[in-house]
N, C-alpha and C. Protein backbone atom coordinates (compact mmCIF):
# COMPACT_ATOMS: atom_id res chain seq x y z
N UNK A 1 20.94 -5.41 -17.57
CA UNK A 1 20.43 -4.02 -17.48
C UNK A 1 21.40 -3.19 -16.76
N UNK A 2 21.62 -1.97 -17.12
CA UNK A 2 22.54 -1.03 -16.50
C UNK A 2 21.72 -0.07 -15.76
N UNK A 3 22.40 0.42 -14.68
CA UNK A 3 21.76 1.52 -13.90
C UNK A 3 21.90 2.83 -14.68
N UNK A 4 20.82 3.58 -14.73
CA UNK A 4 20.89 4.85 -15.38
C UNK A 4 21.01 5.95 -14.35
N UNK A 5 21.71 7.00 -14.71
CA UNK A 5 21.87 8.10 -13.81
C UNK A 5 20.71 9.02 -14.06
N UNK A 6 19.62 8.85 -13.45
CA UNK A 6 18.46 9.69 -13.59
C UNK A 6 17.60 9.60 -12.41
N UNK A 7 16.37 10.01 -12.52
CA UNK A 7 15.53 9.94 -11.32
C UNK A 7 15.38 8.51 -10.85
N UNK A 8 15.33 8.41 -9.56
CA UNK A 8 15.21 7.03 -8.96
C UNK A 8 13.65 6.70 -8.98
N UNK A 9 13.42 5.50 -9.37
CA UNK A 9 12.05 5.04 -9.42
C UNK A 9 11.81 4.10 -8.20
N UNK A 10 10.94 4.54 -7.36
CA UNK A 10 10.63 3.78 -6.17
C UNK A 10 9.63 2.72 -6.45
N UNK A 11 9.72 1.68 -5.74
CA UNK A 11 8.78 0.55 -5.85
C UNK A 11 7.45 1.00 -5.25
N UNK A 12 6.32 0.60 -5.95
CA UNK A 12 4.99 0.91 -5.36
C UNK A 12 4.78 0.18 -4.10
N UNK A 13 3.84 0.65 -3.28
CA UNK A 13 3.56 -0.12 -2.07
C UNK A 13 3.19 -1.52 -2.29
N UNK A 14 3.31 -2.29 -1.25
CA UNK A 14 3.14 -3.76 -1.36
C UNK A 14 1.72 -4.09 -1.81
N UNK A 15 0.75 -3.24 -1.52
CA UNK A 15 -0.60 -3.55 -1.89
C UNK A 15 -0.73 -3.46 -3.39
N UNK A 16 0.08 -2.68 -4.12
CA UNK A 16 -0.03 -2.56 -5.50
C UNK A 16 0.68 -3.63 -6.27
N UNK A 17 1.94 -3.94 -5.89
CA UNK A 17 2.71 -4.97 -6.53
C UNK A 17 2.81 -6.16 -5.65
N UNK A 18 2.26 -7.27 -6.14
CA UNK A 18 2.35 -8.45 -5.46
C UNK A 18 3.09 -9.49 -6.25
N UNK A 19 4.02 -10.27 -5.70
CA UNK A 19 4.73 -11.28 -6.44
C UNK A 19 3.79 -12.37 -6.85
N UNK A 20 4.00 -12.98 -8.04
CA UNK A 20 3.13 -14.05 -8.40
C UNK A 20 3.17 -15.16 -7.48
N UNK A 21 2.06 -15.89 -7.34
CA UNK A 21 1.96 -16.96 -6.37
C UNK A 21 2.83 -18.12 -6.75
N UNK A 22 3.19 -18.37 -7.94
CA UNK A 22 4.07 -19.49 -8.30
C UNK A 22 5.52 -19.15 -8.18
N UNK A 23 5.91 -17.93 -8.02
CA UNK A 23 7.31 -17.52 -8.06
C UNK A 23 7.88 -17.94 -6.71
N UNK A 24 9.00 -18.69 -6.72
CA UNK A 24 9.64 -19.05 -5.47
C UNK A 24 10.24 -17.80 -4.83
N UNK A 25 10.31 -17.75 -3.55
CA UNK A 25 10.95 -16.71 -2.82
C UNK A 25 12.38 -17.04 -2.49
N UNK A 26 13.29 -16.41 -3.28
CA UNK A 26 14.69 -16.70 -2.93
C UNK A 26 15.32 -15.24 -2.73
N UNK A 27 16.27 -15.17 -1.93
CA UNK A 27 16.97 -13.93 -1.76
C UNK A 27 17.76 -13.46 -2.94
N UNK A 28 17.73 -12.28 -3.17
CA UNK A 28 18.45 -11.84 -4.40
C UNK A 28 19.93 -11.71 -4.07
N UNK A 29 20.71 -12.13 -5.08
CA UNK A 29 22.18 -12.06 -4.92
C UNK A 29 22.73 -10.86 -5.60
N UNK A 30 23.99 -10.68 -5.53
CA UNK A 30 24.60 -9.45 -6.13
C UNK A 30 24.41 -9.50 -7.68
N UNK A 31 24.43 -10.63 -8.33
CA UNK A 31 24.32 -10.68 -9.80
C UNK A 31 22.90 -10.60 -10.24
N UNK A 32 21.88 -10.85 -9.48
CA UNK A 32 20.48 -10.83 -9.85
C UNK A 32 19.95 -9.45 -9.73
N UNK A 33 18.93 -9.19 -10.60
CA UNK A 33 18.31 -7.87 -10.53
C UNK A 33 17.50 -7.72 -9.22
N UNK A 34 17.43 -6.45 -8.77
CA UNK A 34 16.65 -6.28 -7.60
C UNK A 34 15.23 -6.12 -7.85
N UNK A 35 14.37 -6.06 -6.85
CA UNK A 35 12.98 -5.94 -7.07
C UNK A 35 12.55 -4.59 -7.76
N UNK A 36 13.38 -3.58 -7.67
CA UNK A 36 13.06 -2.30 -8.22
C UNK A 36 13.28 -2.37 -9.80
N UNK A 37 14.29 -3.10 -10.24
CA UNK A 37 14.61 -3.12 -11.64
C UNK A 37 13.41 -3.64 -12.55
N UNK A 38 12.71 -4.71 -12.25
CA UNK A 38 11.62 -5.11 -13.05
C UNK A 38 10.56 -4.04 -13.18
N UNK A 39 10.29 -3.26 -12.11
CA UNK A 39 9.34 -2.30 -12.17
C UNK A 39 9.80 -1.11 -12.94
N UNK A 40 11.13 -0.76 -12.93
CA UNK A 40 11.73 0.25 -13.79
C UNK A 40 11.69 -0.20 -15.23
N UNK A 41 11.94 -1.52 -15.51
CA UNK A 41 11.97 -1.95 -16.89
C UNK A 41 10.54 -1.96 -17.47
N UNK A 42 9.65 -2.23 -16.70
CA UNK A 42 8.16 -2.20 -17.19
C UNK A 42 7.80 -0.77 -17.36
N UNK A 43 8.30 0.15 -16.67
CA UNK A 43 7.86 1.53 -16.76
C UNK A 43 8.55 2.20 -18.00
N UNK A 44 9.81 1.81 -18.37
CA UNK A 44 10.51 2.36 -19.49
C UNK A 44 10.65 1.26 -20.57
N UNK A 45 9.82 1.37 -21.63
CA UNK A 45 10.01 0.41 -22.71
C UNK A 45 11.34 0.65 -23.41
N UNK A 46 12.01 -0.37 -23.84
CA UNK A 46 13.22 -0.26 -24.63
C UNK A 46 13.11 -1.01 -25.91
N UNK A 47 14.12 -1.54 -26.37
CA UNK A 47 14.00 -2.14 -27.78
C UNK A 47 13.04 -3.30 -27.81
N UNK A 48 12.69 -3.73 -29.04
CA UNK A 48 11.69 -4.75 -29.19
C UNK A 48 12.20 -6.07 -28.75
N UNK A 49 13.52 -6.37 -28.83
CA UNK A 49 13.99 -7.61 -28.36
C UNK A 49 13.81 -7.79 -26.86
N UNK A 50 13.99 -6.72 -26.12
CA UNK A 50 13.90 -6.80 -24.65
C UNK A 50 12.41 -6.94 -24.35
N UNK A 51 11.45 -6.35 -25.09
CA UNK A 51 10.07 -6.38 -24.75
C UNK A 51 9.40 -7.75 -25.04
N UNK A 52 10.05 -8.54 -25.96
CA UNK A 52 9.51 -9.84 -26.26
C UNK A 52 10.08 -10.93 -25.28
N UNK A 53 11.13 -10.66 -24.66
CA UNK A 53 11.74 -11.60 -23.73
C UNK A 53 10.71 -11.65 -22.50
N UNK A 54 10.51 -12.88 -21.99
CA UNK A 54 9.71 -12.90 -20.74
C UNK A 54 10.49 -12.25 -19.63
N UNK A 55 9.72 -11.54 -18.87
CA UNK A 55 10.34 -10.88 -17.73
C UNK A 55 10.84 -11.93 -16.71
N UNK A 56 12.06 -11.69 -16.21
CA UNK A 56 12.50 -12.72 -15.22
C UNK A 56 11.60 -12.62 -14.01
N UNK A 57 11.52 -13.82 -13.38
CA UNK A 57 10.68 -13.92 -12.13
C UNK A 57 11.31 -12.94 -11.15
N UNK A 58 10.43 -11.92 -10.69
CA UNK A 58 10.96 -10.99 -9.80
C UNK A 58 11.27 -11.71 -8.47
N UNK A 59 12.46 -11.25 -7.90
CA UNK A 59 12.76 -11.73 -6.55
C UNK A 59 11.82 -11.05 -5.59
N UNK A 60 11.68 -11.65 -4.36
CA UNK A 60 10.73 -11.11 -3.45
C UNK A 60 11.00 -9.63 -3.32
N UNK A 61 9.94 -8.91 -3.28
CA UNK A 61 10.13 -7.39 -3.11
C UNK A 61 10.73 -7.09 -1.81
N UNK A 62 11.98 -6.58 -1.90
CA UNK A 62 12.62 -6.22 -0.55
C UNK A 62 12.18 -4.88 -0.06
N UNK A 63 11.78 -4.04 -0.94
CA UNK A 63 11.30 -2.69 -0.42
C UNK A 63 10.09 -2.85 0.43
N UNK A 64 9.01 -3.66 0.03
CA UNK A 64 7.96 -3.77 1.03
C UNK A 64 8.36 -4.44 2.23
N UNK A 65 9.21 -5.47 2.16
CA UNK A 65 9.64 -6.09 3.44
C UNK A 65 10.41 -5.20 4.30
N UNK A 66 11.28 -4.37 3.70
CA UNK A 66 11.93 -3.34 4.51
C UNK A 66 10.92 -2.34 5.08
N UNK A 67 9.90 -2.04 4.25
CA UNK A 67 8.90 -1.10 4.80
C UNK A 67 8.16 -1.68 5.89
N UNK A 68 7.92 -2.97 5.86
CA UNK A 68 7.22 -3.65 6.90
C UNK A 68 8.03 -3.73 8.21
N UNK A 69 9.31 -3.81 8.04
CA UNK A 69 10.21 -3.88 9.18
C UNK A 69 10.16 -2.63 10.05
N UNK A 70 10.18 -1.41 9.54
CA UNK A 70 10.09 -0.24 10.39
C UNK A 70 8.76 -0.20 11.12
N UNK A 71 7.67 -0.63 10.52
CA UNK A 71 6.43 -0.68 11.23
C UNK A 71 6.42 -1.58 12.37
N UNK A 72 7.05 -2.85 12.14
CA UNK A 72 7.09 -3.79 13.22
C UNK A 72 8.00 -3.23 14.27
N UNK A 73 9.12 -2.51 13.95
CA UNK A 73 10.01 -2.00 14.89
C UNK A 73 9.30 -0.89 15.68
N UNK A 74 8.50 -0.07 14.93
CA UNK A 74 7.75 1.03 15.54
C UNK A 74 6.73 0.46 16.46
N UNK A 75 6.10 -0.70 16.11
CA UNK A 75 5.10 -1.24 17.00
C UNK A 75 5.77 -1.88 18.27
N UNK A 76 6.93 -2.50 18.05
CA UNK A 76 7.59 -3.04 19.23
C UNK A 76 8.09 -2.03 20.16
N UNK A 77 8.51 -0.85 19.54
CA UNK A 77 9.03 0.17 20.40
C UNK A 77 7.85 0.78 21.17
N UNK A 78 6.62 0.83 20.48
CA UNK A 78 5.46 1.30 21.28
C UNK A 78 5.11 0.31 22.41
N UNK A 79 5.25 -1.01 22.00
CA UNK A 79 5.04 -1.96 23.16
C UNK A 79 5.98 -1.84 24.31
N UNK A 80 7.26 -1.48 23.91
CA UNK A 80 8.27 -1.36 24.98
C UNK A 80 8.01 -0.12 25.84
N UNK A 81 7.28 0.81 25.33
CA UNK A 81 6.99 2.10 26.07
C UNK A 81 6.03 1.74 27.26
N UNK A 82 5.18 0.80 27.09
CA UNK A 82 4.18 0.42 28.13
C UNK A 82 4.85 -0.09 29.42
N UNK A 83 5.92 -0.97 29.32
CA UNK A 83 6.49 -1.42 30.54
C UNK A 83 7.19 -0.35 31.35
N UNK A 84 7.67 0.71 30.69
CA UNK A 84 8.32 1.80 31.37
C UNK A 84 7.49 2.33 32.57
N UNK A 85 6.23 2.71 32.28
CA UNK A 85 5.41 3.23 33.37
C UNK A 85 5.25 2.17 34.53
N UNK A 86 5.23 0.85 34.14
CA UNK A 86 5.04 -0.14 35.14
C UNK A 86 6.31 -0.19 36.03
N UNK A 87 7.46 0.03 35.37
CA UNK A 87 8.69 0.04 36.22
C UNK A 87 8.66 1.24 37.18
N UNK A 88 8.10 2.34 36.74
CA UNK A 88 8.07 3.52 37.66
C UNK A 88 7.01 3.30 38.80
N UNK A 89 5.99 2.50 38.51
CA UNK A 89 4.92 2.24 39.57
C UNK A 89 5.57 1.34 40.63
N UNK A 90 6.56 0.57 40.35
CA UNK A 90 7.16 -0.26 41.32
C UNK A 90 8.35 0.44 41.92
N UNK A 91 8.00 1.43 42.78
CA UNK A 91 9.07 2.24 43.43
C UNK A 91 9.50 1.50 44.73
N UNK A 92 10.62 1.89 45.26
CA UNK A 92 11.06 1.28 46.54
C UNK A 92 9.98 1.55 47.67
N UNK A 93 9.99 0.71 48.66
CA UNK A 93 9.00 0.98 49.68
C UNK A 93 9.22 2.33 50.39
N UNK A 94 8.11 2.86 50.88
CA UNK A 94 7.99 4.14 51.47
C UNK A 94 8.90 4.15 52.75
N UNK A 95 9.72 5.10 52.85
CA UNK A 95 10.57 5.33 54.04
C UNK A 95 9.90 6.55 54.83
N UNK A 96 9.09 6.16 55.80
CA UNK A 96 8.39 7.22 56.58
C UNK A 96 9.35 8.06 57.35
N UNK A 97 10.41 7.49 57.95
CA UNK A 97 11.32 8.23 58.75
C UNK A 97 12.01 9.24 57.92
N UNK A 98 12.41 8.93 56.69
CA UNK A 98 13.09 9.86 55.85
C UNK A 98 12.14 10.93 55.34
N UNK A 99 10.91 10.56 55.12
CA UNK A 99 9.95 11.57 54.72
C UNK A 99 9.67 12.54 55.85
N UNK A 100 9.61 12.05 57.03
CA UNK A 100 9.38 12.92 58.19
C UNK A 100 10.54 13.83 58.45
N UNK A 101 11.81 13.30 58.23
CA UNK A 101 12.96 14.20 58.37
C UNK A 101 13.02 15.31 57.31
N UNK A 102 12.67 14.90 56.04
CA UNK A 102 12.64 15.92 55.06
C UNK A 102 11.62 16.99 55.37
N UNK A 103 10.47 16.67 55.84
CA UNK A 103 9.46 17.66 56.22
C UNK A 103 9.96 18.54 57.43
N UNK A 104 10.63 17.92 58.34
CA UNK A 104 11.15 18.72 59.46
C UNK A 104 12.24 19.63 59.03
N UNK A 105 13.08 19.23 58.07
CA UNK A 105 14.24 20.07 57.61
C UNK A 105 13.85 21.04 56.56
N UNK A 106 12.78 20.98 55.89
CA UNK A 106 12.52 21.91 54.79
C UNK A 106 12.35 23.32 55.23
N UNK A 107 12.86 24.25 54.42
CA UNK A 107 12.72 25.67 54.76
C UNK A 107 11.46 26.25 54.07
N UNK A 108 10.71 25.43 53.41
CA UNK A 108 9.51 25.85 52.73
C UNK A 108 8.35 26.14 53.72
N UNK A 109 8.47 25.56 54.91
CA UNK A 109 7.36 25.73 55.96
C UNK A 109 8.04 26.42 57.14
N UNK A 110 7.33 27.44 57.63
CA UNK A 110 7.85 28.12 58.85
C UNK A 110 7.75 27.29 60.07
N UNK A 111 8.44 27.68 61.10
CA UNK A 111 8.47 26.91 62.39
C UNK A 111 7.12 26.75 63.01
N UNK A 112 6.35 27.81 63.14
CA UNK A 112 5.02 27.73 63.78
C UNK A 112 4.06 26.85 62.90
N UNK A 113 4.21 26.97 61.55
CA UNK A 113 3.39 26.12 60.72
C UNK A 113 3.67 24.68 60.89
N UNK A 114 4.98 24.42 61.02
CA UNK A 114 5.45 23.00 61.26
C UNK A 114 4.84 22.51 62.58
N UNK A 115 4.90 23.32 63.60
CA UNK A 115 4.23 22.89 64.84
C UNK A 115 2.74 22.65 64.77
N UNK A 116 2.00 23.52 64.01
CA UNK A 116 0.59 23.32 63.80
C UNK A 116 0.37 22.00 63.02
N UNK A 117 1.17 21.79 61.97
CA UNK A 117 1.05 20.53 61.21
C UNK A 117 1.33 19.32 62.07
N UNK A 118 2.33 19.39 62.90
CA UNK A 118 2.61 18.24 63.79
C UNK A 118 1.52 17.96 64.71
N UNK A 119 0.83 19.01 65.26
CA UNK A 119 -0.37 18.72 66.11
C UNK A 119 -1.47 18.13 65.33
N UNK A 120 -1.67 18.53 64.07
CA UNK A 120 -2.74 17.99 63.25
C UNK A 120 -2.46 16.50 62.91
N UNK A 121 -1.26 16.24 62.64
CA UNK A 121 -0.78 14.83 62.36
C UNK A 121 -0.99 14.02 63.62
N UNK A 122 -0.60 14.51 64.78
CA UNK A 122 -0.79 13.76 66.01
C UNK A 122 -2.29 13.45 66.33
N UNK A 123 -3.13 14.52 66.04
CA UNK A 123 -4.55 14.33 66.22
C UNK A 123 -5.07 13.27 65.28
N UNK A 124 -4.70 13.27 64.03
CA UNK A 124 -5.10 12.30 63.08
C UNK A 124 -4.74 10.87 63.44
N UNK A 125 -3.47 10.73 63.92
CA UNK A 125 -2.93 9.38 64.37
C UNK A 125 -3.72 8.99 65.65
N UNK A 126 -4.06 9.87 66.46
CA UNK A 126 -4.83 9.57 67.64
C UNK A 126 -6.27 9.06 67.28
N UNK A 127 -6.81 9.63 66.19
CA UNK A 127 -8.13 9.18 65.69
C UNK A 127 -7.99 7.71 65.19
N UNK A 128 -6.94 7.43 64.49
CA UNK A 128 -6.70 6.07 63.94
C UNK A 128 -6.52 5.16 65.05
N UNK A 129 -5.74 5.49 66.04
CA UNK A 129 -5.46 4.62 67.21
C UNK A 129 -6.73 4.31 67.96
N UNK A 130 -7.59 5.36 68.17
CA UNK A 130 -8.83 5.24 68.90
C UNK A 130 -9.76 4.23 68.09
N UNK A 131 -9.80 4.42 66.77
CA UNK A 131 -10.61 3.59 65.88
C UNK A 131 -10.17 2.06 66.04
N UNK A 132 -8.88 1.84 65.99
CA UNK A 132 -8.39 0.49 66.08
C UNK A 132 -8.60 -0.15 67.49
N UNK A 133 -8.44 0.69 68.50
CA UNK A 133 -8.55 0.12 69.83
C UNK A 133 -10.07 -0.05 70.21
N UNK A 134 -11.00 0.63 69.60
CA UNK A 134 -12.41 0.52 69.87
C UNK A 134 -12.91 -0.93 69.41
N UNK A 135 -12.23 -1.52 68.45
CA UNK A 135 -12.63 -2.88 68.01
C UNK A 135 -13.77 -2.79 66.93
N UNK A 136 -14.12 -1.58 66.51
CA UNK A 136 -15.21 -1.45 65.53
C UNK A 136 -14.82 -2.30 64.26
N UNK A 137 -15.90 -2.86 63.73
CA UNK A 137 -15.62 -3.69 62.52
C UNK A 137 -15.80 -2.76 61.19
N UNK A 138 -16.20 -1.49 61.43
CA UNK A 138 -16.34 -0.65 60.28
C UNK A 138 -14.95 -0.28 59.79
N UNK A 139 -14.84 0.17 58.49
CA UNK A 139 -13.62 0.60 57.94
C UNK A 139 -13.22 1.98 58.41
N UNK A 140 -12.07 2.40 57.97
CA UNK A 140 -11.52 3.73 58.39
C UNK A 140 -11.85 4.77 57.31
N UNK A 141 -12.83 4.47 56.55
CA UNK A 141 -13.23 5.41 55.45
C UNK A 141 -13.58 6.82 55.98
N UNK A 142 -14.14 6.81 57.19
CA UNK A 142 -14.55 8.12 57.80
C UNK A 142 -13.29 8.99 58.07
N UNK A 143 -12.15 8.37 58.13
CA UNK A 143 -10.90 9.16 58.41
C UNK A 143 -10.20 9.57 57.11
N UNK A 144 -10.73 9.14 56.01
CA UNK A 144 -10.08 9.48 54.72
C UNK A 144 -10.15 10.94 54.42
N UNK A 145 -11.21 11.58 54.68
CA UNK A 145 -11.42 13.00 54.44
C UNK A 145 -10.35 13.86 55.17
N UNK A 146 -10.27 13.67 56.53
CA UNK A 146 -9.33 14.47 57.29
C UNK A 146 -7.86 14.15 56.82
N UNK A 147 -7.62 12.99 56.42
CA UNK A 147 -6.31 12.58 55.84
C UNK A 147 -6.02 13.35 54.58
N UNK A 148 -6.95 13.33 53.70
CA UNK A 148 -6.84 14.07 52.41
C UNK A 148 -6.66 15.55 52.67
N UNK A 149 -7.37 16.16 53.56
CA UNK A 149 -7.30 17.51 53.84
C UNK A 149 -5.93 17.90 54.39
N UNK A 150 -5.35 17.06 55.22
CA UNK A 150 -4.05 17.32 55.77
C UNK A 150 -2.99 17.21 54.64
N UNK A 151 -3.05 16.22 53.82
CA UNK A 151 -2.08 16.07 52.77
C UNK A 151 -2.15 17.25 51.84
N UNK A 152 -3.40 17.68 51.45
CA UNK A 152 -3.50 18.80 50.53
C UNK A 152 -3.01 20.10 51.20
N UNK A 153 -3.20 20.24 52.46
CA UNK A 153 -2.55 21.41 53.20
C UNK A 153 -1.00 21.39 53.09
N UNK A 154 -0.51 20.25 53.28
CA UNK A 154 1.07 20.16 53.27
C UNK A 154 1.51 20.38 51.82
N UNK A 155 0.83 19.82 50.84
CA UNK A 155 1.17 20.06 49.47
C UNK A 155 1.13 21.55 49.04
N UNK A 156 0.04 22.16 49.49
CA UNK A 156 -0.09 23.63 49.19
C UNK A 156 1.01 24.46 49.83
N UNK A 157 1.52 24.06 50.97
CA UNK A 157 2.63 24.75 51.60
C UNK A 157 3.92 24.47 50.89
N UNK A 158 4.13 23.35 50.26
CA UNK A 158 5.41 22.96 49.74
C UNK A 158 5.53 23.20 48.22
N UNK A 159 4.42 23.38 47.52
CA UNK A 159 4.43 23.35 46.01
C UNK A 159 5.30 24.40 45.49
N UNK A 160 5.35 25.53 45.99
CA UNK A 160 6.17 26.66 45.42
C UNK A 160 7.65 26.57 45.91
N UNK A 161 7.87 26.35 47.13
CA UNK A 161 9.23 26.45 47.71
C UNK A 161 10.00 25.18 47.68
N UNK A 162 9.40 24.08 47.76
CA UNK A 162 10.07 22.75 47.76
C UNK A 162 9.29 21.77 46.90
N UNK A 163 9.29 22.01 45.58
CA UNK A 163 8.47 21.08 44.72
C UNK A 163 8.86 19.62 44.66
N UNK A 164 10.16 19.36 44.88
CA UNK A 164 10.56 17.90 44.94
C UNK A 164 9.99 17.24 46.08
N UNK A 165 9.89 17.80 47.25
CA UNK A 165 9.28 17.19 48.41
C UNK A 165 7.71 17.08 48.26
N UNK A 166 7.17 18.11 47.61
CA UNK A 166 5.75 18.04 47.29
C UNK A 166 5.45 16.83 46.35
N UNK A 167 6.26 16.64 45.32
CA UNK A 167 6.08 15.45 44.33
C UNK A 167 6.19 14.21 45.14
N UNK A 168 7.24 14.12 45.99
CA UNK A 168 7.45 12.89 46.80
C UNK A 168 6.19 12.55 47.64
N UNK A 169 5.65 13.57 48.34
CA UNK A 169 4.57 13.40 49.22
C UNK A 169 3.34 13.02 48.35
N UNK A 170 3.09 13.73 47.23
CA UNK A 170 1.97 13.41 46.39
C UNK A 170 2.10 11.98 45.84
N UNK A 171 3.28 11.50 45.52
CA UNK A 171 3.47 10.11 45.00
C UNK A 171 3.26 9.09 46.09
N UNK A 172 3.54 9.55 47.28
CA UNK A 172 3.48 8.61 48.49
C UNK A 172 2.10 8.58 49.18
N UNK A 173 1.28 9.40 48.57
CA UNK A 173 -0.09 9.63 49.19
C UNK A 173 -0.83 8.30 49.52
N UNK A 174 -0.95 7.48 48.48
CA UNK A 174 -1.69 6.22 48.60
C UNK A 174 -0.92 5.22 49.51
N UNK A 175 0.42 5.23 49.37
CA UNK A 175 1.18 4.34 50.21
C UNK A 175 1.00 4.65 51.71
N UNK A 176 1.06 5.94 52.04
CA UNK A 176 0.83 6.33 53.42
C UNK A 176 -0.52 5.95 53.85
N UNK A 177 -1.58 6.15 52.95
CA UNK A 177 -2.91 5.78 53.40
C UNK A 177 -3.03 4.24 53.62
N UNK A 178 -2.33 3.47 52.81
CA UNK A 178 -2.41 2.00 53.01
C UNK A 178 -1.78 1.63 54.33
N UNK A 179 -0.84 2.36 54.76
CA UNK A 179 -0.19 2.08 56.12
C UNK A 179 -1.16 2.41 57.21
N UNK A 180 -1.81 3.56 57.06
CA UNK A 180 -2.71 4.06 58.09
C UNK A 180 -3.97 3.19 58.13
N UNK A 181 -4.47 2.71 56.99
CA UNK A 181 -5.71 1.98 56.88
C UNK A 181 -5.54 0.51 57.32
N UNK A 182 -4.34 -0.05 57.42
CA UNK A 182 -4.09 -1.39 57.85
C UNK A 182 -3.70 -1.38 59.35
N UNK A 183 -4.47 -2.04 60.24
CA UNK A 183 -4.16 -2.02 61.59
C UNK A 183 -2.79 -2.53 61.96
N UNK A 184 -2.37 -3.64 61.28
CA UNK A 184 -1.06 -4.27 61.56
C UNK A 184 0.10 -3.26 61.14
N UNK A 185 -0.04 -2.69 59.94
CA UNK A 185 1.02 -1.77 59.53
C UNK A 185 0.97 -0.51 60.44
N UNK A 186 -0.19 -0.08 60.82
CA UNK A 186 -0.24 1.10 61.66
C UNK A 186 0.35 0.82 63.03
N UNK A 187 0.12 -0.28 63.57
CA UNK A 187 0.80 -0.58 64.91
C UNK A 187 2.24 -0.78 64.82
N UNK A 188 2.75 -1.17 63.68
CA UNK A 188 4.19 -1.34 63.54
C UNK A 188 4.89 0.01 63.47
N UNK A 189 4.13 1.08 63.13
CA UNK A 189 4.74 2.50 63.10
C UNK A 189 4.86 3.00 64.57
N UNK A 190 3.94 2.66 65.48
CA UNK A 190 3.97 3.25 66.80
C UNK A 190 5.06 2.73 67.63
């Protein structure tokens, strides 16, 4: 069969054309007809001698196999997208000293506001210290609201003038709380 210079006939989807069950699956070589040619030959009747010849056993349909490969690749790329957020979740440990220095050096908060914030932080730390020294068996959940209010205040001061620092503090919010809520980690800060 010779290739015609005309419209290209595409192979139907794999659900429409299925290779016969008895046909062996062998890779097509350069001299053998491709999977598209039997479909094109069936679509365009030619001379009577060709129509009486039994159709050669079609090689495994490569078009459906190739069509399946992109979907597998697309699925695997989707699967690969999931580990990326996990990698972001595993950030380096929180550096409290660096975060404190960044807050001290930022120009987004005025001097008097920084002093007021420092006093509020000291008061909150004193409440944690008092709670741990009292030996109460209750959790520190009662201190969560003042902590959240202080973080929100700092974020509102930073969000317009220093958004990078605001993002860092927002991302570190739970890590900071985990340090404050654990008596051993809290005592290692002091």
